[in-house]
Amino acid sequence: MLRRPTPLTAFGLAAVATLASPALAAGDEDIFRPLPAMQKDLGELRWNNRPVLLFAPSAGDANYETQMELFRRSEEALRARDIVVLSDLEPRDPSPIRQAFSPGGFKLVLVGKDGGVKLEEDAVLAPETLFEVIDRMPMRRRELSE
């Protein structure tokens, strides 16, 4: 079941995403990256990338492993949509962004290029479902028409 973000969560990330930070330079080639523990915002990705945040209790979490395998198989489609997958696997040392979402276990969050939360899911999500959500966005439709 796809869940729409709560206003509090959307507000929390909007506040987090407004400041600039050099740790997530948009020009990096690897679309699969760790979310640095001290990362306070997603400002460097705004307007260039659609971050997908993955929170899990550890790298060995079954949902995390499954989600990453599905994403790796769909890397070309992720790149076509300017997606960057950021993983936070450190619940004992929570990043400010992790604190904003308070995941109890596995959580996937799609953030739009505008910095707004577009989707939150507590279970593995088929890449095709993620792509359908993105492809309905006005900004993505403009990208495809240009």
C-alpha atoms as a PDB file:
ATOM      1  CA  MET A   1       0.000   0.000   0.000  1.00  0.00           C
ATOM      2  CA  LEU A   2       1.414   3.388  -1.020  1.00  0.00           C
ATOM      3  CA  ARG A   3       1.246   5.953   1.744  1.00  0.00           C
ATOM      4  CA  ARG A   4       1.104   9.663   1.242  1.00  0.00           C
ATOM      5  CA  PRO A   5       3.411  11.615   3.552  1.00  0.00           C
ATOM      6  CA  THR A   6       1.917  13.230   6.584  1.00  0.00           C
ATOM      7  CA  PRO A   7       2.065  17.033   6.686  1.00  0.00           C
ATOM      8  CA  LEU A   8       4.459  16.849   9.638  1.00  0.00           C
ATOM      9  CA  THR A   9       6.859  14.589   7.746  1.00  0.00           C
ATOM     10  CA  ALA A  10       6.644  16.705   4.606  1.00  0.00           C
ATOM     11  CA  PHE A  11       7.286  19.833   6.674  1.00  0.00           C
ATOM     12  CA  GLY A  12      10.178  18.154   8.468  1.00  0.00           C
ATOM     13  CA  LEU A  13      11.999  17.321   5.244  1.00  0.00           C
ATOM     14  CA  ALA A  14      11.192  20.659   3.656  1.00  0.00           C
ATOM     15  CA  ALA A  15      12.937  22.312   6.573  1.00  0.00           C
ATOM     16  CA  VAL A  16      15.800  19.836   6.290  1.00  0.00           C
ATOM     17  CA  ALA A  17      16.134  20.301   2.523  1.00  0.00           C
ATOM     18  CA  THR A  18      16.439  24.068   2.466  1.00  0.00           C
ATOM     19  CA  LEU A  19      20.019  24.538   3.601  1.00  0.00           C
ATOM     20  CA  ALA A  20      22.992  23.852   1.325  1.00  0.00           C
ATOM     21  CA  SER A  21      25.523  21.167   2.162  1.00  0.00           C
ATOM     22  CA  PRO A  22      28.552  19.998   0.159  1.00  0.00           C
ATOM     23  CA  ALA A  23      28.463  16.325   1.245  1.00  0.00           C
ATOM     24  CA  LEU A  24      26.054  15.170  -1.497  1.00  0.00           C
ATOM     25  CA  ALA A  25      27.443  16.838  -4.610  1.00  0.00           C
ATOM     26  CA  ALA A  26      24.993  16.354  -7.463  1.00  0.00           C
ATOM     27  CA  GLY A  27      27.711  15.560  -9.977  1.00  0.00           C
ATOM     28  CA  ASP A  28      28.740  12.256  -8.411  1.00  0.00           C
ATOM     29  CA  GLU A  29      28.441   9.345 -10.839  1.00  0.00           C
ATOM     30  CA  ASP A  30      27.462   6.605  -8.394  1.00  0.00           C
ATOM     31  CA  ILE A  31      23.714   6.763  -7.861  1.00  0.00           C
ATOM     32  CA  PHE A  32      23.910   4.367  -4.890  1.00  0.00           C
ATOM     33  CA  ARG A  33      25.445   6.218  -1.957  1.00  0.00           C
ATOM     34  CA  PRO A  34      25.451   6.213   1.813  1.00  0.00           C
ATOM     35  CA  LEU A  35      23.653   9.063   3.510  1.00  0.00           C
ATOM     36  CA  PRO A  36      26.416  10.621   5.629  1.00  0.00           C
ATOM     37  CA  ALA A  37      25.705  10.507   9.367  1.00  0.00           C
ATOM     38  CA  MET A  38      26.129  14.252   9.741  1.00  0.00           C
ATOM     39  CA  GLN A  39      24.112  15.155   6.619  1.00  0.00           C
ATOM     40  CA  LYS A  40      21.645  17.846   7.617  1.00  0.00           C
ATOM     41  CA  ASP A  41      19.853  18.420   4.326  1.00  0.00           C
ATOM     42  CA  LEU A  42      19.508  17.471   0.679  1.00  0.00           C
ATOM     43  CA  GLY A  43      20.128  20.972  -0.651  1.00  0.00           C
ATOM     44  CA  GLU A  44      22.920  19.952  -3.044  1.00  0.00           C
ATOM     45  CA  LEU A  45      20.562  17.590  -4.870  1.00  0.00           C
ATOM     46  CA  ARG A  46      17.634  19.976  -5.131  1.00  0.00           C
ATOM     47  CA  TRP A  47      16.495  20.709  -8.697  1.00  0.00           C
ATOM     48  CA  ASN A  48      19.031  18.190 -10.078  1.00  0.00           C
ATOM     49  CA  ASN A  49      18.091  14.835  -8.572  1.00  0.00           C
ATOM     50  CA  ARG A  50      15.210  12.903  -7.058  1.00  0.00           C
ATOM     51  CA  PRO A  51      16.613  11.358  -3.873  1.00  0.00           C
ATOM     52  CA  VAL A  52      15.237   8.042  -2.723  1.00  0.00           C
ATOM     53  CA  LEU A  53      16.112   7.629   0.944  1.00  0.00           C
ATOM     54  CA  LEU A  54      16.418   4.102   2.289  1.00  0.00           C
ATOM     55  CA  PHE A  55      16.455   3.650   6.049  1.00  0.00           C
ATOM     56  CA  ALA A  56      17.158   0.231   7.553  1.00  0.00           C
ATOM     57  CA  PRO A  57      18.468  -1.142  10.839  1.00  0.00           C
ATOM     58  CA  SER A  58      21.508  -2.611   9.050  1.00  0.00           C
ATOM     59  CA  ALA A  59      22.943  -3.486   5.643  1.00  0.00           C
ATOM     60  CA  GLY A  60      21.851  -7.075   6.301  1.00  0.00           C
ATOM     61  CA  ASP A  61      18.176  -6.160   6.708  1.00  0.00           C
ATOM     62  CA  ALA A  62      16.159  -8.424   4.365  1.00  0.00           C
ATOM     63  CA  ASN A  63      13.951  -5.584   3.075  1.00  0.00           C
ATOM     64  CA  TYR A  64      16.980  -3.385   2.421  1.00  0.00           C
ATOM     65  CA  GLU A  65      18.828  -6.145   0.560  1.00  0.00           C
ATOM     66  CA  THR A  66      15.758  -6.901  -1.567  1.00  0.00           C
ATOM     67  CA  GLN A  67      15.137  -3.221  -2.354  1.00  0.00           C
ATOM     68  CA  MET A  68      18.758  -2.642  -3.331  1.00  0.00           C
ATOM     69  CA  GLU A  69      18.769  -5.705  -5.593  1.00  0.00           C
ATOM     70  CA  LEU A  70      15.634  -4.471  -7.348  1.00  0.00           C
ATOM     71  CA  PHE A  71      17.167  -1.005  -7.736  1.00  0.00           C
ATOM     72  CA  ARG A  72      20.457  -2.361  -9.074  1.00  0.00           C
ATOM     73  CA  ARG A  73      18.545  -4.306 -11.737  1.00  0.00           C
ATOM     74  CA  SER A  74      16.748  -1.056 -12.664  1.00  0.00           C
ATOM     75  CA  GLU A  75      19.765   1.252 -12.604  1.00  0.00           C
ATOM     76  CA  GLU A  76      19.283   2.534 -16.146  1.00  0.00           C
ATOM     77  CA  ALA A  77      15.666   3.542 -15.425  1.00  0.00           C
ATOM     78  CA  LEU A  78      16.725   5.156 -12.129  1.00  0.00           C
ATOM     79  CA  ARG A  79      19.350   7.216 -13.963  1.00  0.00           C
ATOM     80  CA  ALA A  80      16.825   8.231 -16.626  1.00  0.00           C
ATOM     81  CA  ARG A  81      14.715   9.762 -13.854  1.00  0.00           C
ATOM     82  CA  ASP A  82      17.675  11.452 -12.116  1.00  0.00           C
ATOM     83  CA  ILE A  83      17.258   9.265  -9.037  1.00  0.00           C
ATOM     84  CA  VAL A  84      19.968   9.022  -6.393  1.00  0.00           C
ATOM     85  CA  VAL A  85      19.530   6.267  -3.787  1.00  0.00           C
ATOM     86  CA  LEU A  86      20.827   7.315  -0.365  1.00  0.00           C
ATOM     87  CA  SER A  87      21.084   4.665   2.342  1.00  0.00           C
ATOM     88  CA  ASP A  88      21.096   5.316   6.077  1.00  0.00           C
ATOM     89  CA  LEU A  89      21.906   2.085   7.901  1.00  0.00           C
ATOM     90  CA  GLU A  90      22.928   3.559  11.279  1.00  0.00           C
ATOM     91  CA  PRO A  91      19.996   3.765  13.687  1.00  0.00           C
ATOM     92  CA  ARG A  92      22.410   3.973  16.649  1.00  0.00           C
ATOM     93  CA  ASP A  93      23.955   7.164  15.234  1.00  0.00           C
ATOM     94  CA  PRO A  94      20.945   8.790  13.564  1.00  0.00           C
ATOM     95  CA  SER A  95      21.538  11.464  10.970  1.00  0.00           C
ATOM     96  CA  PRO A  96      19.390  14.596  11.230  1.00  0.00           C
ATOM     97  CA  ILE A  97      17.486  13.358   8.179  1.00  0.00           C
ATOM     98  CA  ARG A  98      16.832   9.966   9.833  1.00  0.00           C
ATOM     99  CA  GLN A  99      15.606  11.798  12.904  1.00  0.00           C
ATOM    100  CA  ALA A 100      13.150  13.782  10.752  1.00  0.00           C
ATOM    101  CA  PHE A 101      11.531  10.557   9.496  1.00  0.00           C
ATOM    102  CA  SER A 102      11.878   8.384  12.638  1.00  0.00           C
ATOM    103  CA  PRO A 103      11.810   5.058  10.784  1.00  0.00           C
ATOM    104  CA  GLY A 104      11.015   2.128  13.043  1.00  0.00           C
ATOM    105  CA  GLY A 105      12.724  -0.289  10.672  1.00  0.00           C
ATOM    106  CA  PHE A 106      12.884  -0.276   6.887  1.00  0.00           C
ATOM    107  CA  LYS A 107      11.561   2.839   5.170  1.00  0.00           C
ATOM    108  CA  LEU A 108      11.721   4.204   1.622  1.00  0.00           C
ATOM    109  CA  VAL A 109      11.147   7.920   1.008  1.00  0.00           C
ATOM    110  CA  LEU A 110      10.946   9.557  -2.415  1.00  0.00           C
ATOM    111  CA  VAL A 111      11.893  13.235  -2.468  1.00  0.00           C
ATOM    112  CA  GLY A 112      11.134  15.299  -5.545  1.00  0.00           C
ATOM    113  CA  LYS A 113      13.561  17.627  -7.261  1.00  0.00           C
ATOM    114  CA  ASP A 114      11.743  20.458  -5.486  1.00  0.00           C
ATOM    115  CA  GLY A 115      12.701  19.000  -2.096  1.00  0.00           C
ATOM    116  CA  GLY A 116       9.189  17.874  -1.184  1.00  0.00           C
ATOM    117  CA  VAL A 117       8.350  14.404   0.072  1.00  0.00           C
ATOM    118  CA  LYS A 118       6.408  12.585  -2.642  1.00  0.00           C
ATOM    119  CA  LEU A 119       6.086   9.087  -1.202  1.00  0.00           C
ATOM    120  CA  GLU A 120       6.816   7.133   1.965  1.00  0.00           C
ATOM    121  CA  GLU A 121       6.671   3.345   2.170  1.00  0.00           C
ATOM    122  CA  ASP A 122       7.531   0.946   5.009  1.00  0.00           C
ATOM    123  CA  ALA A 123       7.904  -2.074   2.717  1.00  0.00           C
ATOM    124  CA  VAL A 124       9.878  -3.005  -0.387  1.00  0.00           C
ATOM    125  CA  LEU A 125       8.566  -1.130  -3.403  1.00  0.00           C
ATOM    126  CA  ALA A 126       8.707  -2.426  -6.969  1.00  0.00           C
ATOM    127  CA  PRO A 127      10.782  -0.013  -9.065  1.00  0.00           C
ATOM    128  CA  GLU A 128       7.950   0.117 -11.611  1.00  0.00           C
ATOM    129  CA  THR A 129       5.627   1.485  -8.922  1.00  0.00           C
ATOM    130  CA  LEU A 130       8.186   4.151  -8.030  1.00  0.00           C
ATOM    131  CA  PHE A 131       8.571   5.041 -11.714  1.00  0.00           C
ATOM    132  CA  GLU A 132       4.789   5.372 -12.120  1.00  0.00           C
ATOM    133  CA  VAL A 133       4.685   7.868  -9.239  1.00  0.00           C
ATOM    134  CA  ILE A 134       7.558   9.879 -10.727  1.00  0.00           C
ATOM    135  CA  ASP A 135       6.269   9.735 -14.291  1.00  0.00           C
ATOM    136  CA  ARG A 136       2.962  11.330 -13.173  1.00  0.00           C
ATOM    137  CA  MET A 137       4.785  14.335 -11.688  1.00  0.00           C
ATOM    138  CA  PRO A 138       4.456  17.592 -13.664  1.00  0.00           C
ATOM    139  CA  MET A 139       8.212  18.191 -13.628  1.00  0.00           C
ATOM    140  CA  ARG A 140       8.906  14.715 -15.049  1.00  0.00           C
ATOM    141  CA  ARG A 141       6.301  15.246 -17.769  1.00  0.00           C
ATOM    142  CA  ARG A 142       8.056  18.481 -18.746  1.00  0.00           C
ATOM    143  CA  GLU A 143      11.399  16.637 -18.821  1.00  0.00           C
ATOM    144  CA  LEU A 144       9.977  14.060 -21.208  1.00  0.00           C
ATOM    145  CA  SER A 145       8.461  16.662 -23.517  1.00  0.00           C
ATOM    146  CA  GLU A 146      11.718  18.640 -23.840  1.00  0.00           C
END
